[in-house]
Amino acid sequence: MDDPTTFEQLIQFRAPANLSKAIDKAASQRCQSKSDYIRQALVDRLQADGGSLLGEQQYCLVIDGELIATSFKPAKDDRGGVWLPIENEDNQPFDPALHWRLKPLPLRLDGDRVVRTYPVVAKCQEHA
């Protein structure tokens, strides 16, 4: 998930050592890197505040029922592929006060749509 080619923007910030250690511990408890953990925490907070995550739609190139590539800027495909918008959904109702949204499952083709599903777990299960 931390592939630098996937993410175009690098954001850096200063943090006291104890915050960095706390992030490290929380991330490892969720089997995530620090970057994934911070990214997901920011996404959750933006969604809770009613903000737009990226302001852009992400698309997936589909050729003969196979998911080929994703992009925010689809380009013409000479192989006859079609760019479909990626729809994000949770595997159950999500309340940021009660749940964690985990790393998404692999993209899946569902008829004529591409779906990214986020597993949702209760916050009390974080140490289970």
N, C-alpha and C. Protein backbone atom coordinates (compact mmCIF):
# COMPACT_ATOMS: atom_id res chain seq x y z
N MET A 1 0.82 -1.20 0.00
CA MET A 1 0.00 0.00 0.00
C MET A 1 0.85 1.25 0.00
N ASP A 2 2.09 1.17 0.46
CA ASP A 2 2.95 2.34 0.51
C ASP A 2 3.78 2.51 -0.74
N ASP A 3 3.35 1.95 -1.84
CA ASP A 3 4.05 2.09 -3.11
C ASP A 3 4.07 3.57 -3.50
N PRO A 4 5.26 4.18 -3.61
CA PRO A 4 5.33 5.61 -3.90
C PRO A 4 4.73 6.00 -5.25
N THR A 5 4.60 5.06 -6.17
CA THR A 5 3.99 5.40 -7.47
C THR A 5 2.49 5.54 -7.37
N THR A 6 1.89 5.00 -6.29
CA THR A 6 0.45 5.07 -6.10
C THR A 6 0.03 6.43 -5.57
N PHE A 7 0.87 7.05 -4.75
CA PHE A 7 0.54 8.30 -4.11
C PHE A 7 1.40 9.41 -4.68
N GLU A 8 0.74 10.45 -5.18
CA GLU A 8 1.46 11.52 -5.87
C GLU A 8 1.99 12.59 -4.93
N GLN A 9 1.39 12.73 -3.76
CA GLN A 9 1.70 13.84 -2.88
C GLN A 9 2.34 13.34 -1.59
N LEU A 10 3.46 13.93 -1.21
CA LEU A 10 4.11 13.61 0.04
C LEU A 10 3.76 14.71 1.03
N ILE A 11 3.23 14.32 2.19
CA ILE A 11 2.90 15.28 3.24
C ILE A 11 3.75 14.92 4.45
N GLN A 12 4.47 15.90 4.97
CA GLN A 12 5.30 15.68 6.14
C GLN A 12 4.85 16.59 7.27
N PHE A 13 5.00 16.12 8.49
CA PHE A 13 4.71 16.96 9.65
C PHE A 13 5.62 16.55 10.79
N ARG A 14 5.81 17.47 11.71
CA ARG A 14 6.62 17.19 12.88
C ARG A 14 5.72 16.67 13.99
N ALA A 15 6.25 15.73 14.76
CA ALA A 15 5.49 15.16 15.88
C ALA A 15 6.45 14.86 17.02
N PRO A 16 5.98 15.02 18.24
CA PRO A 16 6.83 14.63 19.39
C PRO A 16 7.07 13.12 19.36
N ALA A 17 8.15 12.71 19.97
CA ALA A 17 8.54 11.29 19.95
C ALA A 17 7.43 10.39 20.49
N ASN A 18 6.73 10.84 21.53
CA ASN A 18 5.70 9.97 22.11
C ASN A 18 4.52 9.79 21.15
N LEU A 19 4.20 10.79 20.32
CA LEU A 19 3.13 10.64 19.33
C LEU A 19 3.57 9.66 18.25
N SER A 20 4.80 9.76 17.81
CA SER A 20 5.32 8.85 16.79
C SER A 20 5.29 7.41 17.29
N LYS A 21 5.66 7.21 18.55
CA LYS A 21 5.63 5.86 19.13
C LYS A 21 4.20 5.34 19.24
N ALA A 22 3.28 6.21 19.63
CA ALA A 22 1.87 5.82 19.75
C ALA A 22 1.30 5.42 18.38
N ILE A 23 1.65 6.19 17.34
CA ILE A 23 1.20 5.86 15.98
C ILE A 23 1.78 4.52 15.55
N ASP A 24 3.05 4.32 15.83
CA ASP A 24 3.71 3.05 15.50
C ASP A 24 2.99 1.87 16.16
N LYS A 25 2.68 2.01 17.45
CA LYS A 25 2.02 0.94 18.19
C LYS A 25 0.62 0.68 17.64
N ALA A 26 -0.14 1.74 17.41
CA ALA A 26 -1.52 1.59 16.90
C ALA A 26 -1.51 0.96 15.51
N ALA A 27 -0.58 1.40 14.67
CA ALA A 27 -0.48 0.85 13.31
C ALA A 27 -0.14 -0.63 13.34
N SER A 28 0.79 -1.01 14.19
CA SER A 28 1.18 -2.43 14.23
C SER A 28 0.05 -3.29 14.78
N GLN A 29 -0.77 -2.75 15.68
CA GLN A 29 -1.91 -3.51 16.20
C GLN A 29 -2.93 -3.78 15.10
N ARG A 30 -2.96 -2.91 14.09
CA ARG A 30 -3.91 -3.09 12.98
C ARG A 30 -3.22 -3.66 11.75
N CYS A 31 -1.97 -4.12 11.92
CA CYS A 31 -1.19 -4.71 10.82
C CYS A 31 -1.06 -3.73 9.66
N GLN A 32 -0.79 -2.48 9.98
CA GLN A 32 -0.63 -1.44 8.97
C GLN A 32 0.72 -0.76 9.15
N SER A 33 1.18 -0.13 8.09
CA SER A 33 2.35 0.73 8.22
C SER A 33 1.91 2.04 8.87
N LYS A 34 2.88 2.81 9.34
CA LYS A 34 2.53 4.11 9.92
C LYS A 34 1.83 4.99 8.88
N SER A 35 2.31 4.95 7.65
CA SER A 35 1.71 5.77 6.59
C SER A 35 0.27 5.37 6.34
N ASP A 36 0.01 4.06 6.26
CA ASP A 36 -1.37 3.59 6.06
C ASP A 36 -2.27 4.03 7.21
N TYR A 37 -1.75 3.88 8.42
CA TYR A 37 -2.54 4.24 9.61
C TYR A 37 -2.90 5.73 9.60
N ILE A 38 -1.91 6.57 9.35
CA ILE A 38 -2.15 8.02 9.33
C ILE A 38 -3.10 8.39 8.20
N ARG A 39 -2.89 7.80 7.03
CA ARG A 39 -3.75 8.08 5.87
C ARG A 39 -5.20 7.71 6.19
N GLN A 40 -5.41 6.52 6.78
CA GLN A 40 -6.76 6.08 7.09
C GLN A 40 -7.39 6.95 8.17
N ALA A 41 -6.60 7.36 9.17
CA ALA A 41 -7.12 8.23 10.22
C ALA A 41 -7.57 9.57 9.64
N LEU A 42 -6.80 10.10 8.70
CA LEU A 42 -7.19 11.35 8.06
C LEU A 42 -8.45 11.18 7.21
N VAL A 43 -8.53 10.08 6.48
CA VAL A 43 -9.72 9.81 5.67
C VAL A 43 -10.95 9.69 6.56
N ASP A 44 -10.83 8.94 7.66
CA ASP A 44 -11.96 8.78 8.59
C ASP A 44 -12.39 10.12 9.16
N ARG A 45 -11.43 10.95 9.53
CA ARG A 45 -11.77 12.26 10.11
C ARG A 45 -12.43 13.16 9.07
N LEU A 46 -11.91 13.16 7.85
CA LEU A 46 -12.53 13.96 6.79
C LEU A 46 -13.96 13.52 6.53
N GLN A 47 -14.18 12.22 6.49
CA GLN A 47 -15.53 11.71 6.27
C GLN A 47 -16.45 12.07 7.44
N ALA A 48 -15.94 11.96 8.66
CA ALA A 48 -16.74 12.30 9.84
C ALA A 48 -17.12 13.78 9.83
N ASP A 49 -16.22 14.62 9.32
CA ASP A 49 -16.48 16.06 9.25
C ASP A 49 -17.27 16.44 8.01
N GLY A 50 -17.63 15.45 7.20
CA GLY A 50 -18.43 15.71 6.00
C GLY A 50 -17.63 16.24 4.84
N GLY A 51 -16.32 16.11 4.90
CA GLY A 51 -15.46 16.62 3.83
C GLY A 51 -15.30 15.64 2.69
N SER A 52 -14.86 16.16 1.58
CA SER A 52 -14.58 15.34 0.42
C SER A 52 -13.17 14.79 0.55
N LEU A 53 -13.00 13.52 0.27
CA LEU A 53 -11.69 12.91 0.42
C LEU A 53 -10.69 13.45 -0.58
N LEU A 54 -10.99 13.31 -1.80
CA LEU A 54 -10.06 13.74 -2.84
C LEU A 54 -10.69 14.75 -3.79
N GLY A 55 -11.98 14.80 -3.78
CA GLY A 55 -12.65 15.69 -4.72
C GLY A 55 -12.61 15.16 -6.13
N GLU A 56 -12.03 14.00 -6.32
CA GLU A 56 -11.92 13.41 -7.64
C GLU A 56 -12.43 11.97 -7.61
N GLN A 57 -12.98 11.56 -8.70
CA GLN A 57 -13.44 10.18 -8.86
C GLN A 57 -12.28 9.33 -9.32
N GLN A 58 -12.13 8.15 -8.75
CA GLN A 58 -11.12 7.20 -9.20
C GLN A 58 -11.79 6.21 -10.15
N TYR A 59 -11.07 5.81 -11.18
CA TYR A 59 -11.59 4.91 -12.21
C TYR A 59 -10.71 3.67 -12.32
N CYS A 60 -11.31 2.61 -12.84
CA CYS A 60 -10.59 1.36 -13.07
C CYS A 60 -10.76 0.95 -14.53
N LEU A 61 -9.67 0.61 -15.17
CA LEU A 61 -9.71 0.13 -16.54
C LEU A 61 -10.06 -1.35 -16.54
N VAL A 62 -11.13 -1.70 -17.26
CA VAL A 62 -11.60 -3.08 -17.34
C VAL A 62 -11.51 -3.55 -18.79
N ILE A 63 -10.83 -4.68 -18.99
CA ILE A 63 -10.72 -5.27 -20.32
C ILE A 63 -11.13 -6.73 -20.21
N ASP A 64 -12.16 -7.12 -20.94
CA ASP A 64 -12.66 -8.50 -20.96
C ASP A 64 -12.89 -9.04 -19.55
N GLY A 65 -13.51 -8.23 -18.69
CA GLY A 65 -13.82 -8.67 -17.33
C GLY A 65 -12.65 -8.67 -16.37
N GLU A 66 -11.49 -8.18 -16.81
CA GLU A 66 -10.31 -8.16 -15.95
C GLU A 66 -9.99 -6.72 -15.57
N LEU A 67 -9.69 -6.51 -14.27
CA LEU A 67 -9.32 -5.19 -13.77
C LEU A 67 -7.84 -4.97 -14.08
N ILE A 68 -7.57 -3.95 -14.89
CA ILE A 68 -6.21 -3.74 -15.40
C ILE A 68 -5.44 -2.67 -14.64
N ALA A 69 -6.05 -1.50 -14.44
CA ALA A 69 -5.34 -0.38 -13.83
C ALA A 69 -6.34 0.58 -13.20
N THR A 70 -5.85 1.43 -12.29
CA THR A 70 -6.68 2.47 -11.72
C THR A 70 -6.04 3.83 -11.98
N SER A 71 -6.89 4.87 -12.03
CA SER A 71 -6.39 6.21 -12.30
C SER A 71 -7.43 7.25 -11.92
N PHE A 72 -6.98 8.44 -11.59
CA PHE A 72 -7.88 9.56 -11.38
C PHE A 72 -8.15 10.27 -12.70
N LYS A 73 -7.31 9.95 -13.69
CA LYS A 73 -7.44 10.59 -15.00
C LYS A 73 -7.43 9.51 -16.08
N PRO A 74 -8.59 8.93 -16.38
CA PRO A 74 -8.61 7.87 -17.38
C PRO A 74 -8.21 8.38 -18.75
N ALA A 75 -7.49 7.55 -19.47
CA ALA A 75 -7.04 7.88 -20.82
C ALA A 75 -7.63 6.88 -21.80
N LYS A 76 -7.67 7.25 -23.05
CA LYS A 76 -8.19 6.34 -24.08
C LYS A 76 -7.36 5.07 -24.10
N ASP A 77 -8.07 3.95 -24.23
CA ASP A 77 -7.39 2.66 -24.26
C ASP A 77 -7.55 2.04 -25.63
N ASP A 78 -6.44 1.73 -26.29
CA ASP A 78 -6.46 1.16 -27.64
C ASP A 78 -6.83 -0.33 -27.67
N ARG A 79 -6.89 -0.96 -26.49
CA ARG A 79 -7.17 -2.40 -26.42
C ARG A 79 -8.67 -2.68 -26.29
N GLY A 80 -9.47 -1.63 -26.32
CA GLY A 80 -10.91 -1.82 -26.20
C GLY A 80 -11.43 -1.85 -24.78
N GLY A 81 -10.60 -1.41 -23.85
CA GLY A 81 -11.01 -1.38 -22.46
C GLY A 81 -11.95 -0.23 -22.17
N VAL A 82 -12.62 -0.32 -21.03
CA VAL A 82 -13.53 0.74 -20.60
C VAL A 82 -13.14 1.15 -19.18
N TRP A 83 -13.17 2.46 -18.94
CA TRP A 83 -12.89 2.99 -17.62
C TRP A 83 -14.20 3.10 -16.86
N LEU A 84 -14.31 2.39 -15.74
CA LEU A 84 -15.51 2.44 -14.90
C LEU A 84 -15.18 3.16 -13.60
N PRO A 85 -16.11 3.97 -13.09
CA PRO A 85 -15.87 4.61 -11.80
C PRO A 85 -15.81 3.57 -10.68
N ILE A 86 -14.92 3.79 -9.73
CA ILE A 86 -14.81 2.89 -8.59
C ILE A 86 -15.78 3.38 -7.52
N GLU A 87 -16.63 2.48 -7.06
CA GLU A 87 -17.58 2.80 -6.01
C GLU A 87 -17.06 2.24 -4.69
N ASN A 88 -16.98 3.09 -3.68
CA ASN A 88 -16.51 2.67 -2.36
C ASN A 88 -17.71 2.33 -1.49
N GLU A 89 -17.59 1.22 -0.77
CA GLU A 89 -18.67 0.85 0.15
C GLU A 89 -18.07 0.13 1.35
N ASP A 90 -18.79 0.17 2.46
CA ASP A 90 -18.40 -0.55 3.66
C ASP A 90 -19.11 -1.89 3.68
N ASN A 91 -18.51 -2.88 4.36
CA ASN A 91 -19.15 -4.19 4.42
C ASN A 91 -20.30 -4.21 5.44
N GLN A 92 -20.44 -3.15 6.22
CA GLN A 92 -21.56 -2.99 7.15
C GLN A 92 -21.67 -1.50 7.48
N PRO A 93 -22.78 -1.05 8.07
CA PRO A 93 -22.92 0.37 8.39
C PRO A 93 -21.75 0.87 9.25
N PHE A 94 -21.26 2.07 8.95
CA PHE A 94 -20.08 2.62 9.60
C PHE A 94 -20.44 3.87 10.39
N ASP A 95 -20.01 3.89 11.66
CA ASP A 95 -20.15 5.06 12.52
C ASP A 95 -18.75 5.35 13.06
N PRO A 96 -18.15 6.50 12.70
CA PRO A 96 -16.77 6.76 13.12
C PRO A 96 -16.56 6.77 14.63
N ALA A 97 -17.62 7.00 15.39
CA ALA A 97 -17.49 6.97 16.85
C ALA A 97 -17.40 5.54 17.38
N LEU A 98 -17.91 4.58 16.61
CA LEU A 98 -17.97 3.19 17.08
C LEU A 98 -17.09 2.21 16.32
N HIS A 99 -16.67 2.58 15.12
CA HIS A 99 -16.00 1.61 14.24
C HIS A 99 -14.65 2.12 13.73
N TRP A 100 -13.85 1.14 13.32
CA TRP A 100 -12.65 1.39 12.53
C TRP A 100 -12.95 0.92 11.11
N ARG A 101 -12.46 1.64 10.15
CA ARG A 101 -12.54 1.21 8.76
C ARG A 101 -11.14 0.71 8.40
N LEU A 102 -11.05 -0.57 8.05
CA LEU A 102 -9.76 -1.18 7.77
C LEU A 102 -9.35 -0.99 6.31
N LYS A 103 -8.14 -1.48 6.00
CA LYS A 103 -7.65 -1.42 4.62
C LYS A 103 -8.66 -2.07 3.69
N PRO A 104 -8.85 -1.50 2.51
CA PRO A 104 -9.85 -2.07 1.60
C PRO A 104 -9.44 -3.44 1.08
N LEU A 105 -10.47 -4.22 0.77
CA LEU A 105 -10.26 -5.51 0.11
C LEU A 105 -9.88 -5.23 -1.35
N PRO A 106 -9.35 -6.21 -2.06
CA PRO A 106 -9.03 -5.98 -3.47
C PRO A 106 -10.29 -5.56 -4.25
N LEU A 107 -10.08 -4.73 -5.27
CA LEU A 107 -11.19 -4.30 -6.12
C LEU A 107 -11.87 -5.52 -6.71
N ARG A 108 -13.19 -5.38 -6.95
CA ARG A 108 -13.91 -6.47 -7.59
C ARG A 108 -14.86 -5.89 -8.64
N LEU A 109 -15.07 -6.67 -9.67
CA LEU A 109 -16.01 -6.31 -10.71
C LEU A 109 -17.36 -6.90 -10.34
N ASP A 110 -18.37 -6.05 -10.25
CA ASP A 110 -19.71 -6.47 -9.87
C ASP A 110 -20.66 -6.02 -10.97
N GLY A 111 -20.83 -6.89 -11.96
CA GLY A 111 -21.64 -6.52 -13.12
C GLY A 111 -20.95 -5.45 -13.94
N ASP A 112 -21.58 -4.28 -14.04
CA ASP A 112 -20.98 -3.19 -14.82
C ASP A 112 -20.41 -2.10 -13.91
N ARG A 113 -20.00 -2.50 -12.69
CA ARG A 113 -19.40 -1.54 -11.78
C ARG A 113 -18.20 -2.16 -11.07
N VAL A 114 -17.26 -1.31 -10.66
CA VAL A 114 -16.09 -1.75 -9.91
C VAL A 114 -16.28 -1.27 -8.47
N VAL A 115 -16.08 -2.19 -7.53
CA VAL A 115 -16.36 -1.89 -6.12
C VAL A 115 -15.11 -2.09 -5.27
N ARG A 116 -14.88 -1.13 -4.39
CA ARG A 116 -13.84 -1.23 -3.37
C ARG A 116 -14.58 -1.34 -2.03
N THR A 117 -14.40 -2.46 -1.34
CA THR A 117 -15.10 -2.69 -0.07
C THR A 117 -14.15 -2.50 1.09
N TYR A 118 -14.59 -1.71 2.07
CA TYR A 118 -13.83 -1.49 3.29
C TYR A 118 -14.42 -2.34 4.42
N PRO A 119 -13.62 -3.22 5.02
CA PRO A 119 -14.10 -3.95 6.19
C PRO A 119 -14.27 -2.98 7.35
N VAL A 120 -15.35 -3.13 8.10
CA VAL A 120 -15.64 -2.29 9.26
C VAL A 120 -15.66 -3.18 10.49
N VAL A 121 -14.92 -2.77 11.53
CA VAL A 121 -14.90 -3.52 12.79
C VAL A 121 -15.19 -2.57 13.94
N ALA A 122 -15.79 -3.09 14.99
CA ALA A 122 -16.06 -2.28 16.18
C ALA A 122 -14.74 -1.89 16.84
N LYS A 123 -14.68 -0.68 17.36
CA LYS A 123 -13.44 -0.21 18.00
C LYS A 123 -13.06 -1.07 19.19
N CYS A 124 -14.02 -1.69 19.85
CA CYS A 124 -13.69 -2.54 20.99
C CYS A 124 -12.93 -3.79 20.55
N GLN A 125 -12.94 -4.12 19.26
CA GLN A 125 -12.23 -5.29 18.76
C GLN A 125 -10.78 -5.00 18.39
N GLU A 126 -10.34 -3.74 18.55
CA GLU A 126 -9.01 -3.38 18.09
C GLU A 126 -7.90 -4.17 18.80
N HIS A 127 -8.16 -4.65 20.02
CA HIS A 127 -7.14 -5.39 20.74
C HIS A 127 -7.42 -6.89 20.76
N ALA A 128 -8.45 -7.31 20.04
CA ALA A 128 -8.84 -8.72 20.04
C ALA A 128 -7.86 -9.56 19.26
